[in-house]
Amino acid sequence: MIWLILATLVVVFLIGFRIVNSDSRRASQALTKRLNIEPVYVESMISQMGKTAGGEFVSYLLQNSEAHIGNAAGVLLIYQTCIVDESEESLVFWHSVLGKARLPTELTHKHVRLALSFLRELEPEANEFAAFRQRYNARFTAISDMGPAANSNVFYMDGASPKH
């Protein structure tokens, strides 16, 4: 009889937990599926945002438009490369994640404003994020401005070059 009561409590707890966290789980899955990454990256960021800002981020992400996914990915990039791990490897990894997901890889002022808003519990510095944005864009747009063959071994025999 006691095992039946305990089993019922466990089932009720699990169902309640799934209902309470369903929005955040759906929002996290939307971003992680698009970026093809592990959910721990998004879930840890949401937990670091705090209850209010995390809820706002989840609501923002649940609007499920391409622009919202792209902006949320930009916030994740800023969080992962400016707060969690500032290494060059991390920067290259997250840039490639956005590229593989076919999302814009350039950080905009809007990404910085959203990151400042959603990550406000971490008390980020606006000028630090703005400086990071400039360094990041300078690093990666310099490569992409050279053209599609900038980092490959493509040689054009007859003096022709690709048209942009």
Protein backbone atom coordinates (compact mmCIF):
# COMPACT_ATOMS: atom_id res chain seq x y z
CA MET A 1 0.00 0.00 0.00
CA ILE A 2 2.82 2.42 0.85
CA TRP A 3 4.53 1.74 -2.47
CA LEU A 4 1.31 2.67 -4.27
CA ILE A 5 1.16 6.01 -2.45
CA LEU A 6 4.84 6.70 -3.20
CA ALA A 7 4.40 5.77 -6.86
CA THR A 8 1.40 8.08 -7.11
CA LEU A 9 3.36 10.96 -5.56
CA VAL A 10 6.23 10.41 -7.98
CA VAL A 11 3.89 10.38 -10.98
CA VAL A 12 2.10 13.53 -9.80
CA PHE A 13 5.45 15.26 -9.21
CA LEU A 14 6.75 14.32 -12.67
CA ILE A 15 3.57 15.44 -14.41
CA GLY A 16 3.56 18.71 -12.47
CA PHE A 17 7.22 19.32 -13.26
CA ARG A 18 6.62 18.73 -16.97
CA ILE A 19 3.62 21.10 -17.01
CA VAL A 20 5.48 23.85 -15.14
CA ASN A 21 8.55 23.66 -17.40
CA SER A 22 6.86 22.93 -20.73
CA ASP A 23 7.22 26.46 -22.17
CA SER A 24 10.90 26.74 -21.31
CA ARG A 25 11.51 23.25 -22.63
CA ARG A 26 9.74 24.04 -25.93
CA ALA A 27 11.63 27.31 -26.29
CA SER A 28 14.93 25.61 -25.55
CA GLN A 29 14.19 22.86 -28.05
CA ALA A 30 13.29 25.36 -30.76
CA LEU A 31 16.69 27.02 -30.49
CA THR A 32 18.75 23.89 -29.91
CA LYS A 33 17.19 22.06 -32.85
CA ARG A 34 17.82 25.00 -35.15
CA LEU A 35 21.43 25.37 -33.99
CA ASN A 36 21.96 21.61 -33.71
CA ILE A 37 23.51 21.90 -30.24
CA GLU A 38 22.98 20.26 -26.88
CA PRO A 39 20.11 21.73 -24.80
CA VAL A 40 22.45 22.37 -21.86
CA TYR A 41 23.80 25.51 -23.55
CA VAL A 42 20.40 27.18 -23.80
CA GLU A 43 19.06 25.84 -20.50
CA SER A 44 22.09 27.05 -18.56
CA MET A 45 21.75 30.51 -20.12
CA ILE A 46 18.06 30.66 -19.23
CA SER A 47 18.80 29.63 -15.65
CA GLN A 48 21.51 32.31 -15.39
CA MET A 49 19.05 34.95 -16.60
CA GLY A 50 16.92 34.60 -13.48
CA LYS A 51 13.22 33.93 -13.23
CA THR A 52 11.86 37.17 -14.71
CA ALA A 53 14.35 37.68 -17.54
CA GLY A 54 14.38 33.93 -18.27
CA GLY A 55 10.60 33.99 -18.61
CA GLU A 56 10.83 36.98 -20.94
CA PHE A 57 13.42 35.15 -23.06
CA VAL A 58 11.23 32.04 -23.23
CA SER A 59 8.22 34.16 -24.27
CA TYR A 60 10.35 35.93 -26.87
CA LEU A 61 11.59 32.63 -28.26
CA LEU A 62 8.12 31.05 -28.31
CA GLN A 63 6.97 33.65 -30.84
CA ASN A 64 8.67 31.20 -33.20
CA SER A 65 9.64 33.50 -36.05
CA GLU A 66 12.90 33.38 -37.95
CA ALA A 67 13.87 36.83 -36.65
CA HIS A 68 13.31 35.77 -33.03
CA ILE A 69 15.34 32.58 -33.48
CA GLY A 70 18.17 34.57 -35.08
CA ASN A 71 18.13 37.18 -32.31
CA ALA A 72 18.03 34.51 -29.61
CA ALA A 73 20.99 32.79 -31.27
CA GLY A 74 22.85 36.12 -31.18
CA VAL A 75 22.12 36.45 -27.45
CA LEU A 76 23.35 32.89 -26.93
CA LEU A 77 26.53 33.66 -28.86
CA ILE A 78 27.19 36.74 -26.71
CA TYR A 79 26.52 34.78 -23.52
CA GLN A 80 28.71 31.83 -24.49
CA THR A 81 31.63 33.83 -25.91
CA CYS A 82 31.63 36.95 -23.78
CA ILE A 83 30.55 35.59 -20.39
CA VAL A 84 31.14 31.82 -20.26
CA ASP A 85 34.24 31.21 -22.38
CA GLU A 86 36.14 34.03 -24.06
CA SER A 87 38.66 31.77 -25.79
CA GLU A 88 39.36 31.92 -29.50
CA GLU A 89 38.18 28.32 -29.90
CA SER A 90 34.83 29.19 -28.35
CA LEU A 91 34.47 32.19 -30.64
CA VAL A 92 35.19 30.13 -33.75
CA PHE A 93 32.90 27.31 -32.56
CA TRP A 94 29.89 29.55 -31.97
CA HIS A 95 30.47 31.44 -35.22
CA SER A 96 30.43 28.12 -37.08
CA VAL A 97 27.28 27.02 -35.22
CA LEU A 98 25.43 30.08 -36.51
CA GLY A 99 26.84 29.59 -39.99
CA LYS A 100 25.80 25.93 -40.15
CA ALA A 101 22.30 26.89 -38.99
CA ARG A 102 22.18 29.43 -41.84
CA LEU A 103 21.59 32.29 -39.43
CA PRO A 104 23.26 35.69 -39.71
CA THR A 105 26.72 35.48 -38.16
CA GLU A 106 27.14 39.23 -37.73
CA LEU A 107 26.25 40.69 -34.34
CA THR A 108 24.04 43.77 -34.49
CA HIS A 109 23.16 46.51 -32.03
CA LYS A 110 19.85 44.71 -31.49
CA HIS A 111 21.67 41.55 -30.35
CA VAL A 112 23.63 43.61 -27.82
CA ARG A 113 20.49 45.36 -26.54
CA LEU A 114 18.65 42.05 -26.20
CA ALA A 115 21.63 40.47 -24.41
CA LEU A 116 21.79 43.41 -22.00
CA SER A 117 18.07 43.08 -21.35
CA PHE A 118 17.88 39.31 -20.94
CA LEU A 119 21.17 38.97 -19.04
CA ARG A 120 20.49 41.92 -16.72
CA GLU A 121 20.71 39.74 -13.58
CA LEU A 122 24.38 39.15 -14.42
CA GLU A 123 24.87 42.95 -14.47
CA PRO A 124 26.67 43.12 -17.82
CA GLU A 125 28.51 46.23 -18.91
CA ALA A 126 27.02 47.83 -22.02
CA ASN A 127 30.37 49.14 -23.22
CA GLU A 128 31.95 45.69 -22.74
CA PHE A 129 29.28 44.06 -24.92
CA ALA A 130 29.59 46.83 -27.52
CA ALA A 131 33.37 46.41 -27.65
CA PHE A 132 32.94 42.64 -27.93
CA ARG A 133 30.50 43.14 -30.81
CA GLN A 134 33.00 45.31 -32.67
CA ARG A 135 35.88 42.84 -32.13
CA TYR A 136 33.72 39.90 -33.17
CA ASN A 137 32.41 41.58 -36.32
CA ALA A 138 35.87 42.85 -37.26
CA ARG A 139 37.27 39.34 -36.85
CA PHE A 140 34.65 37.53 -38.92
CA THR A 141 33.44 40.11 -41.43
CA ALA A 142 37.02 40.72 -42.57
CA ILE A 143 37.09 37.09 -43.72
CA SER A 144 33.69 37.13 -45.40
CA ASP A 145 34.34 40.49 -47.15
CA MET A 146 37.16 38.89 -49.14
CA GLY A 147 34.68 36.74 -51.00
CA PRO A 148 33.56 33.14 -50.98
CA ALA A 149 36.98 31.74 -51.87
CA ALA A 150 38.88 33.72 -49.23
CA ASN A 151 39.85 30.72 -47.14
CA SER A 152 40.08 28.05 -49.82
CA ASN A 153 42.62 27.02 -52.39
CA VAL A 154 40.70 28.18 -55.44
CA PHE A 155 42.74 29.47 -58.33
CA TYR A 156 41.27 30.99 -61.43
CA MET A 157 43.22 30.08 -64.55
CA ASP A 158 42.45 32.63 -67.32
CA GLY A 159 42.52 35.66 -64.99
CA ALA A 160 38.81 35.42 -64.30
CA SER A 161 37.60 36.08 -60.83
CA PRO A 162 34.28 35.31 -59.18
CA LYS A 163 31.57 37.92 -59.52
CA HIS A 164 30.03 39.20 -56.29
